[in-house]
Amino acid sequence: MEMLKNRILQDASILSADVVKLDAILNHQVDPALTMEMGREFARLFREAGATKVITVESSGIPVAFATALELNVPLLFARRKKTLIADPDHYSERVPSFTKGIVTDLMVSKSLLSPEDRLLFIDDIIANGDAARGLVRIIERSGAELVGFGVVIEKCFQAGASTLREQGIRVEPLVRIRSLEGGTIVFEE
């Protein structure tokens, strides 16, 4: 997606050789037109997978997962990171570290919203080390649902997250792959 690459080059801030800040397009502010284009591309890539739901992790994955679910005409389900007063007490939970937040959080999905009949397409914003992604994959496995693929806006190739999912036999489709952030420069994998 050349449009996405151009926006990354225009709006990203490189904080270190491991961290790229994308607040202007993904993580704090959302560009609706770009987000809908990303959703259309994920729908194109995964349409034949037969997803019955799109799933993501709260919160930065929600806009692009919503756009994808809208294009596929299926519900969107997201794993919560914070327990609320009205949260379903009967839920799947996984404790996962967050690379960018530097904390450990719990991912929670209500058992009433996942069933063995579900075919889930997992959509997320960025994959670095993949801890949250692997946590949600474990929840999906415990529910008995089938994971039909993982679409991610940005894969940071220099971190192991996406490769660990591929090693599990999961189909991983990034829209953009970043090979390096060394020297304050974004280098895309072609």
N, C-alpha and C. Protein backbone atom coordinates (compact mmCIF):
# COMPACT_ATOMS: atom_id res chain seq x y z
N MET A 1 0.83 -1.19 0.00
CA MET A 1 0.00 0.00 0.00
C MET A 1 0.87 1.25 0.00
N GLU A 2 1.06 1.78 -1.17
CA GLU A 2 1.91 2.96 -1.31
C GLU A 2 1.37 4.15 -0.53
N MET A 3 0.02 4.31 -0.51
CA MET A 3 -0.58 5.41 0.23
C MET A 3 -0.20 5.34 1.71
N LEU A 4 -0.22 4.14 2.26
CA LEU A 4 0.14 3.95 3.67
C LEU A 4 1.62 4.22 3.89
N LYS A 5 2.47 3.71 3.01
CA LYS A 5 3.91 3.98 3.15
C LYS A 5 4.18 5.48 3.13
N ASN A 6 3.55 6.19 2.22
CA ASN A 6 3.75 7.63 2.13
C ASN A 6 3.31 8.35 3.39
N ARG A 7 2.17 7.92 3.95
CA ARG A 7 1.70 8.55 5.20
C ARG A 7 2.64 8.23 6.37
N ILE A 8 3.17 7.01 6.40
CA ILE A 8 4.12 6.67 7.45
C ILE A 8 5.34 7.56 7.34
N LEU A 9 5.89 7.70 6.14
CA LEU A 9 7.07 8.55 5.95
C LEU A 9 6.77 10.01 6.31
N GLN A 10 5.56 10.45 6.03
CA GLN A 10 5.18 11.84 6.29
C GLN A 10 4.92 12.10 7.77
N ASP A 11 4.25 11.17 8.45
CA ASP A 11 3.72 11.45 9.79
C ASP A 11 4.38 10.71 10.95
N ALA A 12 5.21 9.73 10.69
CA ALA A 12 5.80 8.94 11.77
C ALA A 12 6.93 9.69 12.45
N SER A 13 7.11 9.39 13.72
CA SER A 13 8.27 9.85 14.48
C SER A 13 9.02 8.62 14.95
N ILE A 14 10.32 8.60 14.76
CA ILE A 14 11.12 7.47 15.21
C ILE A 14 11.68 7.83 16.57
N LEU A 15 11.30 7.06 17.57
CA LEU A 15 11.73 7.34 18.94
C LEU A 15 13.02 6.62 19.30
N SER A 16 13.26 5.47 18.65
CA SER A 16 14.48 4.70 18.87
C SER A 16 14.61 3.70 17.72
N ALA A 17 15.63 2.89 17.77
CA ALA A 17 15.82 1.87 16.72
C ALA A 17 14.75 0.78 16.80
N ASP A 18 13.93 0.79 17.87
CA ASP A 18 12.87 -0.20 18.05
C ASP A 18 11.46 0.37 18.01
N VAL A 19 11.32 1.70 18.15
CA VAL A 19 9.99 2.28 18.34
C VAL A 19 9.71 3.37 17.31
N VAL A 20 8.59 3.20 16.60
CA VAL A 20 8.09 4.21 15.68
C VAL A 20 6.74 4.70 16.23
N LYS A 21 6.59 6.01 16.30
CA LYS A 21 5.35 6.60 16.82
C LYS A 21 4.47 6.99 15.65
N LEU A 22 3.24 6.46 15.65
CA LEU A 22 2.30 6.68 14.55
C LEU A 22 0.99 7.31 15.04
N ASP A 23 1.11 8.22 16.00
CA ASP A 23 -0.07 8.83 16.60
C ASP A 23 -0.96 9.54 15.58
N ALA A 24 -0.38 10.12 14.54
CA ALA A 24 -1.16 10.91 13.58
C ALA A 24 -2.05 10.07 12.67
N ILE A 25 -1.78 8.74 12.57
CA ILE A 25 -2.60 7.92 11.66
C ILE A 25 -3.16 6.65 12.28
N LEU A 26 -2.61 6.18 13.40
CA LEU A 26 -3.05 4.89 13.95
C LEU A 26 -3.35 4.89 15.44
N ASN A 27 -2.51 5.50 16.23
CA ASN A 27 -2.54 5.24 17.66
C ASN A 27 -3.13 6.33 18.54
N HIS A 28 -3.43 7.49 17.97
CA HIS A 28 -4.01 8.56 18.78
C HIS A 28 -5.05 9.32 17.97
N GLN A 29 -4.75 9.47 16.71
CA GLN A 29 -5.67 10.10 15.77
C GLN A 29 -5.88 9.12 14.62
N VAL A 30 -7.08 9.12 14.06
CA VAL A 30 -7.38 8.19 12.98
C VAL A 30 -7.76 8.98 11.73
N ASP A 31 -7.16 8.61 10.62
CA ASP A 31 -7.53 9.17 9.33
C ASP A 31 -8.60 8.25 8.75
N PRO A 32 -9.87 8.66 8.74
CA PRO A 32 -10.94 7.77 8.30
C PRO A 32 -10.77 7.24 6.88
N ALA A 33 -10.36 8.09 5.95
CA ALA A 33 -10.22 7.63 4.55
C ALA A 33 -9.12 6.59 4.44
N LEU A 34 -7.99 6.83 5.07
CA LEU A 34 -6.89 5.85 5.05
C LEU A 34 -7.30 4.57 5.75
N THR A 35 -7.99 4.69 6.88
CA THR A 35 -8.43 3.52 7.64
C THR A 35 -9.39 2.67 6.80
N MET A 36 -10.30 3.31 6.09
CA MET A 36 -11.23 2.55 5.23
C MET A 36 -10.48 1.86 4.09
N GLU A 37 -9.45 2.49 3.55
CA GLU A 37 -8.63 1.85 2.50
C GLU A 37 -7.93 0.61 3.06
N MET A 38 -7.42 0.72 4.29
CA MET A 38 -6.77 -0.43 4.91
C MET A 38 -7.78 -1.56 5.13
N GLY A 39 -8.98 -1.21 5.58
CA GLY A 39 -10.02 -2.21 5.79
C GLY A 39 -10.39 -2.90 4.48
N ARG A 40 -10.48 -2.14 3.40
CA ARG A 40 -10.78 -2.74 2.09
C ARG A 40 -9.67 -3.69 1.65
N GLU A 41 -8.42 -3.30 1.91
CA GLU A 41 -7.30 -4.17 1.52
C GLU A 41 -7.30 -5.46 2.33
N PHE A 42 -7.54 -5.38 3.64
CA PHE A 42 -7.61 -6.60 4.45
C PHE A 42 -8.78 -7.47 3.99
N ALA A 43 -9.91 -6.85 3.69
CA ALA A 43 -11.07 -7.63 3.20
C ALA A 43 -10.72 -8.33 1.89
N ARG A 44 -10.00 -7.65 1.02
CA ARG A 44 -9.58 -8.26 -0.25
C ARG A 44 -8.66 -9.45 0.01
N LEU A 45 -7.71 -9.27 0.92
CA LEU A 45 -6.73 -10.32 1.20
C LEU A 45 -7.38 -11.56 1.85
N PHE A 46 -8.40 -11.35 2.67
CA PHE A 46 -8.96 -12.44 3.47
C PHE A 46 -10.40 -12.83 3.12
N ARG A 47 -10.98 -12.23 2.09
CA ARG A 47 -12.39 -12.49 1.78
C ARG A 47 -12.70 -13.98 1.66
N GLU A 48 -11.82 -14.73 1.02
CA GLU A 48 -12.06 -16.17 0.78
C GLU A 48 -11.88 -17.02 2.04
N ALA A 49 -11.38 -16.42 3.14
CA ALA A 49 -11.15 -17.18 4.38
C ALA A 49 -12.46 -17.51 5.10
N GLY A 50 -13.52 -16.80 4.78
CA GLY A 50 -14.83 -17.11 5.37
C GLY A 50 -14.96 -16.72 6.83
N ALA A 51 -14.37 -15.59 7.21
CA ALA A 51 -14.46 -15.14 8.60
C ALA A 51 -15.91 -14.85 8.97
N THR A 52 -16.28 -15.25 10.19
CA THR A 52 -17.60 -14.92 10.72
C THR A 52 -17.53 -13.72 11.65
N LYS A 53 -16.31 -13.39 12.12
CA LYS A 53 -16.09 -12.22 12.97
C LYS A 53 -14.66 -11.73 12.74
N VAL A 54 -14.48 -10.43 12.96
CA VAL A 54 -13.14 -9.86 13.04
C VAL A 54 -12.88 -9.63 14.52
N ILE A 55 -11.65 -9.92 14.95
CA ILE A 55 -11.27 -9.74 16.35
C ILE A 55 -10.00 -8.91 16.42
N THR A 56 -9.87 -8.11 17.47
CA THR A 56 -8.68 -7.31 17.67
C THR A 56 -8.46 -7.10 19.17
N VAL A 57 -7.41 -6.35 19.48
CA VAL A 57 -7.08 -6.01 20.86
C VAL A 57 -7.35 -4.52 21.06
N GLU A 58 -7.98 -4.18 22.17
CA GLU A 58 -8.22 -2.79 22.52
C GLU A 58 -6.88 -2.07 22.66
N SER A 59 -6.65 -0.91 22.18
CA SER A 59 -7.57 -0.01 21.54
C SER A 59 -7.13 0.40 20.14
N SER A 60 -5.84 0.44 19.86
CA SER A 60 -5.39 0.97 18.57
C SER A 60 -5.77 0.10 17.38
N GLY A 61 -6.07 -1.15 17.59
CA GLY A 61 -6.48 -2.01 16.48
C GLY A 61 -7.93 -1.84 16.09
N ILE A 62 -8.72 -1.18 16.94
CA ILE A 62 -10.16 -1.12 16.71
C ILE A 62 -10.54 -0.41 15.40
N PRO A 63 -10.01 0.76 15.07
CA PRO A 63 -10.48 1.42 13.84
C PRO A 63 -10.27 0.59 12.58
N VAL A 64 -9.08 0.04 12.38
CA VAL A 64 -8.84 -0.73 11.16
C VAL A 64 -9.59 -2.06 11.20
N ALA A 65 -9.75 -2.65 12.37
CA ALA A 65 -10.54 -3.87 12.48
C ALA A 65 -12.01 -3.58 12.17
N PHE A 66 -12.51 -2.43 12.62
CA PHE A 66 -13.88 -2.02 12.31
C PHE A 66 -14.05 -1.86 10.79
N ALA A 67 -13.11 -1.18 10.15
CA ALA A 67 -13.19 -0.98 8.69
C ALA A 67 -13.19 -2.32 7.96
N THR A 68 -12.39 -3.26 8.45
CA THR A 68 -12.33 -4.59 7.84
C THR A 68 -13.65 -5.33 8.04
N ALA A 69 -14.17 -5.30 9.27
CA ALA A 69 -15.44 -5.98 9.57
C ALA A 69 -16.57 -5.39 8.74
N LEU A 70 -16.58 -4.08 8.57
CA LEU A 70 -17.60 -3.43 7.76
C LEU A 70 -17.53 -3.92 6.31
N GLU A 71 -16.32 -4.01 5.77
CA GLU A 71 -16.14 -4.48 4.39
C GLU A 71 -16.54 -5.94 4.23
N LEU A 72 -16.30 -6.75 5.27
CA LEU A 72 -16.66 -8.17 5.21
C LEU A 72 -18.09 -8.44 5.66
N ASN A 73 -18.74 -7.40 6.20
CA ASN A 73 -20.11 -7.52 6.70
C ASN A 73 -20.25 -8.57 7.80
N VAL A 74 -19.31 -8.51 8.76
CA VAL A 74 -19.33 -9.40 9.92
C VAL A 74 -19.14 -8.55 11.18
N PRO A 75 -19.49 -9.08 12.35
CA PRO A 75 -19.29 -8.33 13.60
C PRO A 75 -17.81 -8.16 13.93
N LEU A 76 -17.55 -7.12 14.71
CA LEU A 76 -16.21 -6.86 15.26
C LEU A 76 -16.25 -7.18 16.75
N LEU A 77 -15.27 -7.92 17.21
CA LEU A 77 -15.11 -8.26 18.62
C LEU A 77 -13.72 -7.81 19.04
N PHE A 78 -13.62 -7.15 20.20
CA PHE A 78 -12.28 -6.79 20.65
C PHE A 78 -12.03 -7.25 22.08
N ALA A 79 -10.79 -7.66 22.29
CA ALA A 79 -10.36 -8.06 23.63
C ALA A 79 -10.15 -6.80 24.45
N ARG A 80 -10.74 -6.77 25.61
CA ARG A 80 -10.56 -5.63 26.53
C ARG A 80 -9.25 -5.78 27.29
N ARG A 81 -8.70 -4.64 27.65
CA ARG A 81 -7.49 -4.63 28.48
C ARG A 81 -7.79 -4.26 29.92
N LYS A 82 -8.97 -3.71 30.16
CA LYS A 82 -9.34 -3.30 31.52
C LYS A 82 -10.67 -3.92 31.89
N LYS A 83 -10.73 -4.44 33.07
CA LYS A 83 -11.99 -5.00 33.56
C LYS A 83 -12.89 -3.85 34.00
N THR A 84 -14.16 -3.90 33.60
CA THR A 84 -15.12 -2.88 33.99
C THR A 84 -16.14 -3.47 34.95
N LEU A 85 -16.95 -2.60 35.53
CA LEU A 85 -17.97 -3.07 36.48
C LEU A 85 -19.02 -3.95 35.81
N ILE A 86 -19.24 -3.74 34.52
CA ILE A 86 -20.25 -4.53 33.82
C ILE A 86 -19.65 -5.64 32.98
N ALA A 87 -18.36 -5.88 33.14
CA ALA A 87 -17.70 -6.94 32.37
C ALA A 87 -18.28 -8.30 32.74
N ASP A 88 -18.36 -9.16 31.74
CA ASP A 88 -18.85 -10.52 31.95
C ASP A 88 -17.85 -11.26 32.85
N PRO A 89 -18.30 -11.77 34.00
CA PRO A 89 -17.37 -12.49 34.88
C PRO A 89 -16.89 -13.81 34.27
N ASP A 90 -17.62 -14.30 33.27
CA ASP A 90 -17.25 -15.55 32.60
C ASP A 90 -16.54 -15.19 31.29
N HIS A 91 -15.21 -15.06 31.40
CA HIS A 91 -14.45 -14.63 30.23
C HIS A 91 -13.13 -15.39 30.12
N TYR A 92 -12.59 -15.38 28.90
CA TYR A 92 -11.24 -15.89 28.68
C TYR A 92 -10.28 -14.76 29.02
N SER A 93 -9.14 -15.10 29.60
CA SER A 93 -8.18 -14.07 30.00
C SER A 93 -6.76 -14.56 29.77
N GLU A 94 -5.92 -13.65 29.34
CA GLU A 94 -4.49 -13.92 29.19
C GLU A 94 -3.72 -12.71 29.67
N ARG A 95 -2.70 -12.94 30.45
CA ARG A 95 -1.83 -11.86 30.92
C ARG A 95 -0.68 -11.71 29.91
N VAL A 96 -0.50 -10.48 29.41
CA VAL A 96 0.51 -10.25 28.38
C VAL A 96 1.29 -8.96 28.66
N PRO A 97 2.60 -8.97 28.36
CA PRO A 97 3.36 -7.72 28.44
C PRO A 97 3.09 -6.87 27.21
N SER A 98 3.18 -5.56 27.36
CA SER A 98 3.03 -4.64 26.23
C SER A 98 4.39 -4.01 25.96
N PHE A 99 4.90 -4.21 24.73
CA PHE A 99 6.20 -3.67 24.35
C PHE A 99 6.21 -2.15 24.44
N THR A 100 5.23 -1.50 23.84
CA THR A 100 5.24 -0.04 23.79
C THR A 100 4.79 0.61 25.09
N LYS A 101 3.90 -0.05 25.84
CA LYS A 101 3.43 0.54 27.09
C LYS A 101 4.37 0.23 28.26
N GLY A 102 5.17 -0.81 28.12
CA GLY A 102 6.11 -1.17 29.19
C GLY A 102 5.42 -1.71 30.43
N ILE A 103 4.23 -2.29 30.27
CA ILE A 103 3.48 -2.83 31.40
C ILE A 103 2.93 -4.20 31.02
N VAL A 104 2.39 -4.88 32.02
CA VAL A 104 1.71 -6.14 31.79
C VAL A 104 0.21 -5.88 31.95
N THR A 105 -0.58 -6.38 31.00
CA THR A 105 -2.03 -6.21 31.07
C THR A 105 -2.71 -7.55 30.88
N ASP A 106 -3.99 -7.56 31.19
CA ASP A 106 -4.81 -8.75 30.94
C ASP A 106 -5.67 -8.50 29.72
N LEU A 107 -5.71 -9.46 28.81
CA LEU A 107 -6.65 -9.43 27.70
C LEU A 107 -7.85 -10.25 28.12
N MET A 108 -9.05 -9.72 27.89
CA MET A 108 -10.27 -10.42 28.30
C MET A 108 -11.29 -10.41 27.17
N VAL A 109 -11.88 -11.58 26.92
CA VAL A 109 -12.96 -11.71 25.94
C VAL A 109 -14.06 -12.53 26.59
N SER A 110 -15.28 -12.01 26.54
CA SER A 110 -16.43 -12.71 27.12
C SER A 110 -16.63 -14.05 26.42
N LYS A 111 -16.80 -15.09 27.20
CA LYS A 111 -17.04 -16.42 26.64
C LYS A 111 -18.33 -16.47 25.83
N SER A 112 -19.28 -15.61 26.15
CA SER A 112 -20.56 -15.62 25.43
C SER A 112 -20.41 -15.08 24.00
N LEU A 113 -19.30 -14.44 23.69
CA LEU A 113 -19.10 -13.84 22.37
C LEU A 113 -18.20 -14.67 21.45
N LEU A 114 -17.65 -15.76 21.98
CA LEU A 114 -16.80 -16.65 21.19
C LEU A 114 -17.37 -18.06 21.25
N SER A 115 -17.42 -18.71 20.10
CA SER A 115 -17.91 -20.09 20.09
C SER A 115 -17.05 -20.92 19.14
N PRO A 116 -17.09 -22.23 19.28
CA PRO A 116 -16.34 -23.10 18.38
C PRO A 116 -16.76 -22.97 16.92
N GLU A 117 -17.93 -22.41 16.66
CA GLU A 117 -18.39 -22.22 15.28
C GLU A 117 -17.77 -20.98 14.63
N ASP A 118 -17.17 -20.11 15.43
CA ASP A 118 -16.60 -18.86 14.89
C ASP A 118 -15.33 -19.11 14.08
N ARG A 119 -15.23 -18.37 12.99
CA ARG A 119 -14.02 -18.31 12.16
C ARG A 119 -13.54 -16.87 12.26
N LEU A 120 -12.43 -16.68 12.98
CA LEU A 120 -11.99 -15.34 13.34
C LEU A 120 -10.84 -14.84 12.48
N LEU A 121 -10.99 -13.60 12.03
CA LEU A 121 -9.91 -12.88 11.37
C LEU A 121 -9.39 -11.87 12.37
N PHE A 122 -8.14 -12.00 12.75
CA PHE A 122 -7.50 -11.13 13.73
C PHE A 122 -6.83 -9.99 12.96
N ILE A 123 -7.23 -8.75 13.26
CA ILE A 123 -6.66 -7.56 12.63
C ILE A 123 -6.06 -6.70 13.73
N ASP A 124 -4.85 -6.17 13.50
CA ASP A 124 -4.21 -5.31 14.50
C ASP A 124 -3.41 -4.22 13.82
N ASP A 125 -2.94 -3.26 14.62
CA ASP A 125 -2.24 -2.11 14.06
C ASP A 125 -0.76 -2.39 13.80
N ILE A 126 -0.04 -2.83 14.80
CA ILE A 126 1.41 -3.04 14.68
C ILE A 126 1.77 -4.33 15.39
N ILE A 127 2.70 -5.09 14.82
CA ILE A 127 3.24 -6.23 15.56
C ILE A 127 4.74 -6.01 15.71
N ALA A 128 5.17 -6.08 16.96
CA ALA A 128 6.59 -5.95 17.31
C ALA A 128 7.04 -7.30 17.87
N ASN A 129 7.01 -7.44 19.19
CA ASN A 129 7.38 -8.72 19.80
C ASN A 129 6.27 -9.76 19.73
N GLY A 130 5.03 -9.31 19.59
CA GLY A 130 3.92 -10.23 19.38
C GLY A 130 3.30 -10.80 20.64
N ASP A 131 3.61 -10.26 21.80
CA ASP A 131 3.07 -10.81 23.04
C ASP A 131 1.55 -10.72 23.10
N ALA A 132 0.99 -9.55 22.76
CA ALA A 132 -0.47 -9.40 22.78
C ALA A 132 -1.11 -10.31 21.74
N ALA A 133 -0.51 -10.37 20.56
CA ALA A 133 -1.06 -11.23 19.50
C ALA A 133 -1.07 -12.69 19.94
N ARG A 134 0.03 -13.17 20.50
CA ARG A 134 0.07 -14.56 20.96
C ARG A 134 -0.93 -14.80 22.09
N GLY A 135 -1.12 -13.80 22.96
CA GLY A 135 -2.12 -13.93 24.02
C GLY A 135 -3.52 -14.08 23.46
N LEU A 136 -3.85 -13.27 22.46
CA LEU A 136 -5.18 -13.38 21.86
C LEU A 136 -5.33 -14.70 21.09
N VAL A 137 -4.27 -15.16 20.47
CA VAL A 137 -4.31 -16.46 19.78
C VAL A 137 -4.60 -17.57 20.79
N ARG A 138 -4.00 -17.50 21.98
CA ARG A 138 -4.27 -18.51 23.02
C ARG A 138 -5.74 -18.47 23.44
N ILE A 139 -6.31 -17.27 23.58
CA ILE A 139 -7.73 -17.15 23.92
C ILE A 139 -8.58 -17.79 22.83
N ILE A 140 -8.25 -17.51 21.57
CA ILE A 140 -9.01 -18.08 20.45
C ILE A 140 -8.93 -19.60 20.49
N GLU A 141 -7.73 -20.13 20.71
CA GLU A 141 -7.56 -21.59 20.78
C GLU A 141 -8.40 -22.18 21.90
N ARG A 142 -8.39 -21.56 23.09
CA ARG A 142 -9.16 -22.09 24.22
C ARG A 142 -10.66 -22.05 23.95
N SER A 143 -11.10 -21.09 23.15
CA SER A 143 -12.53 -20.97 22.86
C SER A 143 -13.01 -22.05 21.89
N GLY A 144 -12.07 -22.67 21.18
CA GLY A 144 -12.44 -23.65 20.17
C GLY A 144 -12.73 -23.04 18.81
N ALA A 145 -12.70 -21.70 18.72
CA ALA A 145 -12.92 -21.03 17.44
C ALA A 145 -11.71 -21.25 16.54
N GLU A 146 -11.91 -20.99 15.25
CA GLU A 146 -10.82 -21.15 14.28
C GLU A 146 -10.28 -19.78 13.90
N LEU A 147 -8.97 -19.63 13.97
CA LEU A 147 -8.30 -18.42 13.51
C LEU A 147 -7.98 -18.60 12.03
N VAL A 148 -8.59 -17.75 11.17
CA VAL A 148 -8.39 -17.91 9.72
C VAL A 148 -7.26 -17.04 9.18
N GLY A 149 -6.74 -16.14 10.02
CA GLY A 149 -5.61 -15.32 9.58
C GLY A 149 -5.41 -14.13 10.48
N PHE A 150 -4.25 -13.50 10.29
CA PHE A 150 -3.86 -12.32 11.05
C PHE A 150 -3.42 -11.25 10.07
N GLY A 151 -4.17 -10.16 10.03
CA GLY A 151 -3.80 -9.01 9.21
C GLY A 151 -3.29 -7.91 10.11
N VAL A 152 -2.15 -7.35 9.75
CA VAL A 152 -1.56 -6.30 10.58
C VAL A 152 -1.16 -5.14 9.69
N VAL A 153 -1.43 -3.94 10.14
CA VAL A 153 -1.10 -2.76 9.35
C VAL A 153 0.40 -2.68 9.15
N ILE A 154 1.17 -2.79 10.23
CA ILE A 154 2.63 -2.66 10.14
C ILE A 154 3.29 -3.83 10.86
N GLU A 155 4.14 -4.53 10.13
CA GLU A 155 4.99 -5.57 10.71
C GLU A 155 6.39 -5.00 10.86
N LYS A 156 6.89 -5.00 12.08
CA LYS A 156 8.28 -4.62 12.30
C LYS A 156 9.11 -5.90 12.16
N CYS A 157 9.72 -6.07 10.98
CA CYS A 157 10.41 -7.31 10.63
C CYS A 157 11.62 -7.59 11.51
N PHE A 158 12.18 -6.57 12.10
CA PHE A 158 13.38 -6.73 12.93
C PHE A 158 13.03 -7.20 14.34
N GLN A 159 11.76 -7.39 14.64
CA GLN A 159 11.32 -7.97 15.89
C GLN A 159 10.57 -9.27 15.56
N ALA A 160 10.53 -10.18 16.49
CA ALA A 160 10.14 -11.57 16.19
C ALA A 160 8.65 -11.86 16.19
N GLY A 161 7.80 -10.89 16.49
CA GLY A 161 6.38 -11.16 16.67
C GLY A 161 5.71 -11.88 15.52
N ALA A 162 5.81 -11.34 14.31
CA ALA A 162 5.13 -11.96 13.16
C ALA A 162 5.71 -13.33 12.84
N SER A 163 7.02 -13.46 12.95
CA SER A 163 7.63 -14.75 12.62
C SER A 163 7.19 -15.84 13.60
N THR A 164 6.96 -15.48 14.88
CA THR A 164 6.49 -16.50 15.83
C THR A 164 5.08 -16.96 15.49
N LEU A 165 4.25 -16.06 14.96
CA LEU A 165 2.91 -16.47 14.53
C LEU A 165 2.99 -17.35 13.28
N ARG A 166 3.85 -16.97 12.34
CA ARG A 166 4.02 -17.80 11.14
C ARG A 166 4.52 -19.19 11.50
N GLU A 167 5.40 -19.28 12.50
CA GLU A 167 5.92 -20.58 12.94
C GLU A 167 4.80 -21.45 13.52
N GLN A 168 3.73 -20.83 14.01
CA GLN A 168 2.57 -21.57 14.53
C GLN A 168 1.63 -21.98 13.40
N GLY A 169 1.98 -21.64 12.17
CA GLY A 169 1.14 -21.99 11.03
C GLY A 169 0.04 -20.98 10.74
N ILE A 170 0.14 -19.79 11.34
CA ILE A 170 -0.87 -18.75 11.15
C ILE A 170 -0.51 -17.93 9.91
N ARG A 171 -1.50 -17.71 9.08
CA ARG A 171 -1.32 -16.85 7.90
C ARG A 171 -1.24 -15.40 8.39
N VAL A 172 -0.11 -14.74 8.11
CA VAL A 172 0.12 -13.35 8.51
C VAL A 172 0.24 -12.50 7.26
N GLU A 173 -0.59 -11.46 7.17
CA GLU A 173 -0.60 -10.56 6.02
C GLU A 173 -0.42 -9.11 6.51
N PRO A 174 0.79 -8.57 6.40
CA PRO A 174 0.99 -7.16 6.74
C PRO A 174 0.69 -6.27 5.53
N LEU A 175 0.23 -5.05 5.80
CA LEU A 175 0.07 -4.08 4.72
C LEU A 175 1.40 -3.42 4.39
N VAL A 176 2.21 -3.23 5.42
CA VAL A 176 3.54 -2.63 5.27
C VAL A 176 4.50 -3.37 6.19
N ARG A 177 5.70 -3.61 5.69
CA ARG A 177 6.75 -4.25 6.50
C ARG A 177 7.90 -3.27 6.66
N ILE A 178 8.29 -3.01 7.90
CA ILE A 178 9.43 -2.14 8.18
C ILE A 178 10.61 -3.01 8.54
N ARG A 179 11.67 -2.88 7.74
CA ARG A 179 12.88 -3.67 7.96
C ARG A 179 13.76 -3.06 9.05
N SER A 180 13.80 -1.71 9.12
CA SER A 180 14.71 -1.07 10.05
C SER A 180 14.26 0.35 10.39
N LEU A 181 14.63 0.78 11.60
CA LEU A 181 14.47 2.16 12.04
C LEU A 181 15.83 2.75 12.42
N GLU A 182 16.88 2.02 12.11
CA GLU A 182 18.25 2.43 12.48
C GLU A 182 18.57 3.81 11.92
N GLY A 183 19.28 4.59 12.71
CA GLY A 183 19.72 5.91 12.27
C GLY A 183 18.58 6.89 12.07
N GLY A 184 17.43 6.59 12.66
CA GLY A 184 16.28 7.50 12.54
C GLY A 184 15.63 7.49 11.17
N THR A 185 15.86 6.43 10.39
CA THR A 185 15.31 6.33 9.05
C THR A 185 14.44 5.08 8.94
N ILE A 186 13.26 5.25 8.36
CA ILE A 186 12.37 4.11 8.12
C ILE A 186 12.79 3.45 6.82
N VAL A 187 13.11 2.16 6.91
CA VAL A 187 13.45 1.37 5.73
C VAL A 187 12.39 0.28 5.59
N PHE A 188 11.66 0.32 4.48
CA PHE A 188 10.62 -0.68 4.22
C PHE A 188 11.21 -1.94 3.62
N GLU A 189 10.62 -3.07 3.98
CA GLU A 189 10.94 -4.36 3.36
C GLU A 189 10.10 -4.45 2.09
N GLU A 190 10.73 -4.76 1.01
CA GLU A 190 9.98 -4.83 -0.27
C GLU A 190 9.50 -6.23 -0.55
